[in-house]
Amino acid sequence: MKYLIYLIPAFIIIVWTGCRHNPEKDFTVITKRIQYDVPIKSPNPDFDWWVQNIEGSQREEFVHMILDAAYTGKVRTYDYFNHPLTPEQVRQIGYHRDTITVQRPTAPYALFDTVIEQKLDPNLITRIRFLEEWTIDKKHFRIMKNILGIAPLIENYSEKGELRGYMPLFWIYTDKRYPEE
């Protein structure tokens, strides 16, 4: 009888832990890493508004949220080669400052210097590059995507005006395993 007091709780614990369902065991990794671009601003005005597009005000809010977090240092940012960037370095992306000499249109037609500053236009961000891990629940055929990192992209044109591709401005990793050392 003395041992029965200990045996019953032990039996209950063994049965309870053995029967507990672990949903993570149902998921199989499809890929530990996949990278792809998602258009957030439709290249074709004839498409329905939601095709390759996020509605304008939501897109602007999303892009500004990413830029503000990077500019203020709320998130860790990295360049294309995974070197850490400071918030100041991120703010310099897309920033140009030039001094040009201009002649006055009226007499005495003197020359003067003008400073022109150009900042990154958030409307130029038309795509987001995702780095993800994919898993699948084979039983229910549910695919789970774990976002490891995101990079805002702008279009990159040649001197002739031809689209060369999309250039990542910086990376924000949402998973502590990245960037890999």
C-alpha atoms as a PDB file:
ATOM      1  CA  MET A   1       0.000   0.000   0.000  1.00  0.00           C
ATOM      2  CA  LYS A   2       2.885   2.296   0.835  1.00  0.00           C
ATOM      3  CA  TYR A   3       4.309   1.944  -2.681  1.00  0.00           C
ATOM      4  CA  LEU A   4       0.899   2.393  -4.280  1.00  0.00           C
ATOM      5  CA  ILE A   5       0.825   6.047  -3.131  1.00  0.00           C
ATOM      6  CA  TYR A   6       3.967   6.689  -5.199  1.00  0.00           C
ATOM      7  CA  LEU A   7       3.121   4.353  -8.052  1.00  0.00           C
ATOM      8  CA  ILE A   8      -0.248   5.919  -9.000  1.00  0.00           C
ATOM      9  CA  PRO A   9       1.070   9.503  -9.463  1.00  0.00           C
ATOM     10  CA  ALA A  10       4.094   8.167 -11.368  1.00  0.00           C
ATOM     11  CA  PHE A  11       1.796   6.155 -13.649  1.00  0.00           C
ATOM     12  CA  ILE A  12      -0.417   9.222 -14.275  1.00  0.00           C
ATOM     13  CA  ILE A  13       2.616  11.368 -15.144  1.00  0.00           C
ATOM     14  CA  ILE A  14       3.998   8.743 -17.552  1.00  0.00           C
ATOM     15  CA  VAL A  15       0.631   8.333 -19.315  1.00  0.00           C
ATOM     16  CA  TRP A  16       0.033  12.102 -19.483  1.00  0.00           C
ATOM     17  CA  THR A  17       3.470  12.947 -20.927  1.00  0.00           C
ATOM     18  CA  GLY A  18       3.371   9.991 -23.318  1.00  0.00           C
ATOM     19  CA  CYS A  19      -0.009  10.952 -24.753  1.00  0.00           C
ATOM     20  CA  ARG A  20       0.676  14.645 -25.047  1.00  0.00           C
ATOM     21  CA  HIS A  21       0.620  15.760 -28.679  1.00  0.00           C
ATOM     22  CA  ASN A  22       3.604  17.747 -29.872  1.00  0.00           C
ATOM     23  CA  PRO A  23       2.513  19.689 -32.990  1.00  0.00           C
ATOM     24  CA  GLU A  24       6.123  20.570 -33.839  1.00  0.00           C
ATOM     25  CA  LYS A  25       6.805  16.872 -34.527  1.00  0.00           C
ATOM     26  CA  ASP A  26       4.170  16.958 -37.285  1.00  0.00           C
ATOM     27  CA  PHE A  27       6.140  19.576 -39.237  1.00  0.00           C
ATOM     28  CA  THR A  28       8.841  18.594 -41.705  1.00  0.00           C
ATOM     29  CA  VAL A  29      11.376  21.109 -42.991  1.00  0.00           C
ATOM     30  CA  ILE A  30      10.965  21.721 -46.720  1.00  0.00           C
ATOM     31  CA  THR A  31      13.910  24.110 -46.867  1.00  0.00           C
ATOM     32  CA  LYS A  32      15.984  25.843 -44.213  1.00  0.00           C
ATOM     33  CA  ARG A  33      16.558  28.789 -46.501  1.00  0.00           C
ATOM     34  CA  ILE A  34      14.758  30.193 -49.541  1.00  0.00           C
ATOM     35  CA  GLN A  35      15.050  33.714 -50.910  1.00  0.00           C
ATOM     36  CA  TYR A  36      12.657  35.420 -53.292  1.00  0.00           C
ATOM     37  CA  ASP A  37      11.309  38.845 -54.262  1.00  0.00           C
ATOM     38  CA  VAL A  38       7.722  39.957 -53.779  1.00  0.00           C
ATOM     39  CA  PRO A  39       6.392  42.930 -55.747  1.00  0.00           C
ATOM     40  CA  ILE A  40       4.554  45.386 -53.483  1.00  0.00           C
ATOM     41  CA  LYS A  41       3.817  47.960 -56.190  1.00  0.00           C
ATOM     42  CA  SER A  42       2.214  46.626 -59.353  1.00  0.00           C
ATOM     43  CA  PRO A  43       4.234  47.160 -62.527  1.00  0.00           C
ATOM     44  CA  ASN A  44       1.058  46.896 -64.615  1.00  0.00           C
ATOM     45  CA  PRO A  45      -1.852  49.310 -64.114  1.00  0.00           C
ATOM     46  CA  ASP A  46      -4.169  46.876 -65.938  1.00  0.00           C
ATOM     47  CA  PHE A  47      -3.878  44.277 -63.150  1.00  0.00           C
ATOM     48  CA  ASP A  48      -6.464  44.117 -60.388  1.00  0.00           C
ATOM     49  CA  TRP A  49      -5.307  46.349 -57.514  1.00  0.00           C
ATOM     50  CA  TRP A  50      -4.291  43.392 -55.337  1.00  0.00           C
ATOM     51  CA  VAL A  51      -2.186  41.555 -57.953  1.00  0.00           C
ATOM     52  CA  GLN A  52       1.526  42.056 -57.199  1.00  0.00           C
ATOM     53  CA  ASN A  53       0.542  45.014 -55.074  1.00  0.00           C
ATOM     54  CA  ILE A  54      -0.174  46.217 -51.576  1.00  0.00           C
ATOM     55  CA  GLU A  55      -2.825  48.930 -51.441  1.00  0.00           C
ATOM     56  CA  GLY A  56      -1.157  52.365 -51.586  1.00  0.00           C
ATOM     57  CA  SER A  57      -1.624  53.660 -48.039  1.00  0.00           C
ATOM     58  CA  GLN A  58      -0.788  50.257 -46.509  1.00  0.00           C
ATOM     59  CA  ARG A  59       2.309  49.949 -48.729  1.00  0.00           C
ATOM     60  CA  GLU A  60       3.480  53.439 -47.711  1.00  0.00           C
ATOM     61  CA  GLU A  61       2.926  52.640 -44.023  1.00  0.00           C
ATOM     62  CA  PHE A  62       4.798  49.331 -44.382  1.00  0.00           C
ATOM     63  CA  VAL A  63       7.764  50.905 -46.203  1.00  0.00           C
ATOM     64  CA  HIS A  64       7.946  53.821 -43.743  1.00  0.00           C
ATOM     65  CA  MET A  65       7.846  51.373 -40.826  1.00  0.00           C
ATOM     66  CA  ILE A  66      10.834  49.472 -42.272  1.00  0.00           C
ATOM     67  CA  LEU A  67      12.798  52.657 -43.015  1.00  0.00           C
ATOM     68  CA  ASP A  68      12.023  54.267 -39.636  1.00  0.00           C
ATOM     69  CA  ALA A  69      13.099  51.138 -37.770  1.00  0.00           C
ATOM     70  CA  ALA A  70      16.367  51.051 -39.755  1.00  0.00           C
ATOM     71  CA  TYR A  71      17.008  54.811 -39.513  1.00  0.00           C
ATOM     72  CA  THR A  72      16.497  54.886 -35.738  1.00  0.00           C
ATOM     73  CA  GLY A  73      18.389  51.680 -34.947  1.00  0.00           C
ATOM     74  CA  LYS A  74      15.322  49.807 -33.629  1.00  0.00           C
ATOM     75  CA  VAL A  75      16.439  46.885 -35.791  1.00  0.00           C
ATOM     76  CA  ARG A  76      19.875  45.619 -36.714  1.00  0.00           C
ATOM     77  CA  THR A  77      20.658  46.287 -40.369  1.00  0.00           C
ATOM     78  CA  TYR A  78      23.264  44.772 -42.671  1.00  0.00           C
ATOM     79  CA  ASP A  79      24.596  45.468 -46.134  1.00  0.00           C
ATOM     80  CA  TYR A  80      24.461  42.986 -49.014  1.00  0.00           C
ATOM     81  CA  PHE A  81      27.575  41.215 -47.674  1.00  0.00           C
ATOM     82  CA  ASN A  82      26.135  41.009 -44.124  1.00  0.00           C
ATOM     83  CA  HIS A  83      28.373  43.699 -42.668  1.00  0.00           C
ATOM     84  CA  PRO A  84      26.574  45.590 -39.867  1.00  0.00           C
ATOM     85  CA  LEU A  85      25.325  49.079 -40.711  1.00  0.00           C
ATOM     86  CA  THR A  86      24.835  51.945 -38.270  1.00  0.00           C
ATOM     87  CA  PRO A  87      21.609  53.956 -38.451  1.00  0.00           C
ATOM     88  CA  GLU A  88      23.652  56.822 -39.953  1.00  0.00           C
ATOM     89  CA  GLN A  89      24.986  54.536 -42.695  1.00  0.00           C
ATOM     90  CA  VAL A  90      21.437  53.405 -43.478  1.00  0.00           C
ATOM     91  CA  ARG A  91      20.282  57.046 -43.694  1.00  0.00           C
ATOM     92  CA  GLN A  92      23.062  57.676 -46.242  1.00  0.00           C
ATOM     93  CA  ILE A  93      21.695  55.016 -48.600  1.00  0.00           C
ATOM     94  CA  GLY A  94      20.170  56.840 -51.551  1.00  0.00           C
ATOM     95  CA  TYR A  95      21.426  60.206 -50.290  1.00  0.00           C
ATOM     96  CA  HIS A  96      23.365  62.409 -52.725  1.00  0.00           C
ATOM     97  CA  ARG A  97      24.690  65.900 -52.236  1.00  0.00           C
ATOM     98  CA  ASP A  98      26.037  67.833 -55.192  1.00  0.00           C
ATOM     99  CA  THR A  99      27.175  71.389 -55.712  1.00  0.00           C
ATOM    100  CA  ILE A 100      26.553  72.895 -59.122  1.00  0.00           C
ATOM    101  CA  THR A 101      27.484  76.260 -60.518  1.00  0.00           C
ATOM    102  CA  VAL A 102      24.622  78.202 -62.099  1.00  0.00           C
ATOM    103  CA  GLN A 103      24.561  81.513 -63.942  1.00  0.00           C
ATOM    104  CA  ARG A 104      21.997  84.106 -62.936  1.00  0.00           C
ATOM    105  CA  PRO A 105      19.420  84.764 -65.685  1.00  0.00           C
ATOM    106  CA  THR A 106      19.573  88.551 -65.202  1.00  0.00           C
ATOM    107  CA  ALA A 107      22.418  91.052 -65.422  1.00  0.00           C
ATOM    108  CA  PRO A 108      25.176  90.981 -64.280  1.00  0.00           C
ATOM    109  CA  TYR A 109      24.807  87.205 -65.035  1.00  0.00           C
ATOM    110  CA  ALA A 110      27.068  86.271 -62.151  1.00  0.00           C
ATOM    111  CA  LEU A 111      27.866  82.643 -61.378  1.00  0.00           C
ATOM    112  CA  PHE A 112      26.819  81.152 -58.037  1.00  0.00           C
ATOM    113  CA  ASP A 113      26.953  77.745 -56.398  1.00  0.00           C
ATOM    114  CA  THR A 114      23.855  75.792 -55.459  1.00  0.00           C
ATOM    115  CA  VAL A 115      23.780  72.727 -53.220  1.00  0.00           C
ATOM    116  CA  ILE A 116      21.372  70.007 -54.301  1.00  0.00           C
ATOM    117  CA  GLU A 117      20.433  67.298 -51.816  1.00  0.00           C
ATOM    118  CA  GLN A 118      18.616  64.170 -52.858  1.00  0.00           C
ATOM    119  CA  LYS A 119      17.263  61.659 -50.325  1.00  0.00           C
ATOM    120  CA  LEU A 120      15.917  58.182 -50.864  1.00  0.00           C
ATOM    121  CA  ASP A 121      12.350  58.382 -52.115  1.00  0.00           C
ATOM    122  CA  PRO A 122      10.355  55.643 -50.304  1.00  0.00           C
ATOM    123  CA  ASN A 123       8.087  55.388 -53.374  1.00  0.00           C
ATOM    124  CA  LEU A 124      11.031  53.855 -55.248  1.00  0.00           C
ATOM    125  CA  ILE A 125      10.823  50.750 -53.050  1.00  0.00           C
ATOM    126  CA  THR A 126       8.726  48.465 -55.241  1.00  0.00           C
ATOM    127  CA  ARG A 127       9.678  45.025 -53.934  1.00  0.00           C
ATOM    128  CA  ILE A 128      10.636  43.237 -50.739  1.00  0.00           C
ATOM    129  CA  ARG A 129      13.136  40.366 -50.747  1.00  0.00           C
ATOM    130  CA  PHE A 130      12.364  37.651 -48.204  1.00  0.00           C
ATOM    131  CA  LEU A 131      14.660  35.064 -46.668  1.00  0.00           C
ATOM    132  CA  GLU A 132      12.519  32.298 -45.177  1.00  0.00           C
ATOM    133  CA  GLU A 133      12.455  28.810 -43.737  1.00  0.00           C
ATOM    134  CA  TRP A 134       9.579  26.606 -44.918  1.00  0.00           C
ATOM    135  CA  THR A 135       8.029  23.678 -43.055  1.00  0.00           C
ATOM    136  CA  ILE A 136       5.007  21.524 -43.856  1.00  0.00           C
ATOM    137  CA  ASP A 137       2.441  19.692 -41.761  1.00  0.00           C
ATOM    138  CA  LYS A 138       1.989  16.589 -43.936  1.00  0.00           C
ATOM    139  CA  LYS A 139      -1.108  15.494 -42.076  1.00  0.00           C
ATOM    140  CA  HIS A 140      -3.087  18.705 -42.714  1.00  0.00           C
ATOM    141  CA  PHE A 141      -1.006  19.981 -45.666  1.00  0.00           C
ATOM    142  CA  ARG A 142      -0.284  23.290 -43.954  1.00  0.00           C
ATOM    143  CA  ILE A 143       2.841  25.115 -45.057  1.00  0.00           C
ATOM    144  CA  MET A 144       4.439  27.380 -42.461  1.00  0.00           C
ATOM    145  CA  LYS A 145       6.850  30.130 -43.447  1.00  0.00           C
ATOM    146  CA  ASN A 146       9.260  31.531 -40.891  1.00  0.00           C
ATOM    147  CA  ILE A 147      10.650  34.876 -42.062  1.00  0.00           C
ATOM    148  CA  LEU A 148      14.373  35.030 -41.339  1.00  0.00           C
ATOM    149  CA  GLY A 149      15.064  38.376 -42.996  1.00  0.00           C
ATOM    150  CA  ILE A 150      13.731  41.099 -45.289  1.00  0.00           C
ATOM    151  CA  ALA A 151      15.347  43.591 -47.640  1.00  0.00           C
ATOM    152  CA  PRO A 152      13.612  46.536 -49.340  1.00  0.00           C
ATOM    153  CA  LEU A 153      14.444  46.696 -53.074  1.00  0.00           C
ATOM    154  CA  ILE A 154      14.626  49.512 -55.599  1.00  0.00           C
ATOM    155  CA  GLU A 155      14.842  49.258 -59.372  1.00  0.00           C
ATOM    156  CA  ASN A 156      18.337  49.531 -60.843  1.00  0.00           C
ATOM    157  CA  TYR A 157      18.630  51.016 -64.343  1.00  0.00           C
ATOM    158  CA  SER A 158      21.523  51.183 -66.794  1.00  0.00           C
ATOM    159  CA  GLU A 159      22.736  54.450 -68.315  1.00  0.00           C
ATOM    160  CA  LYS A 160      20.483  53.646 -71.307  1.00  0.00           C
ATOM    161  CA  GLY A 161      17.422  53.430 -69.046  1.00  0.00           C
ATOM    162  CA  GLU A 162      17.099  49.640 -69.217  1.00  0.00           C
ATOM    163  CA  LEU A 163      16.037  47.811 -66.057  1.00  0.00           C
ATOM    164  CA  ARG A 164      19.016  45.757 -64.832  1.00  0.00           C
ATOM    165  CA  GLY A 165      17.252  44.268 -61.838  1.00  0.00           C
ATOM    166  CA  TYR A 166      16.445  45.090 -58.247  1.00  0.00           C
ATOM    167  CA  MET A 167      18.957  46.348 -55.709  1.00  0.00           C
ATOM    168  CA  PRO A 168      18.602  45.574 -51.994  1.00  0.00           C
ATOM    169  CA  LEU A 169      19.075  48.659 -49.828  1.00  0.00           C
ATOM    170  CA  PHE A 170      19.877  46.694 -46.655  1.00  0.00           C
ATOM    171  CA  TRP A 171      18.908  43.534 -44.800  1.00  0.00           C
ATOM    172  CA  ILE A 172      16.945  43.258 -41.572  1.00  0.00           C
ATOM    173  CA  TYR A 173      17.161  39.808 -40.018  1.00  0.00           C
ATOM    174  CA  THR A 174      14.277  38.713 -37.817  1.00  0.00           C
ATOM    175  CA  ASP A 175      15.924  35.489 -36.679  1.00  0.00           C
ATOM    176  CA  LYS A 176      18.832  35.415 -34.229  1.00  0.00           C
ATOM    177  CA  ARG A 177      20.607  32.769 -36.352  1.00  0.00           C
ATOM    178  CA  TYR A 178      21.256  35.360 -39.047  1.00  0.00           C
ATOM    179  CA  PRO A 179      23.405  36.729 -40.407  1.00  0.00           C
ATOM    180  CA  GLU A 180      25.561  33.659 -40.372  1.00  0.00           C
ATOM    181  CA  GLU A 181      29.076  34.255 -39.173  1.00  0.00           C
END
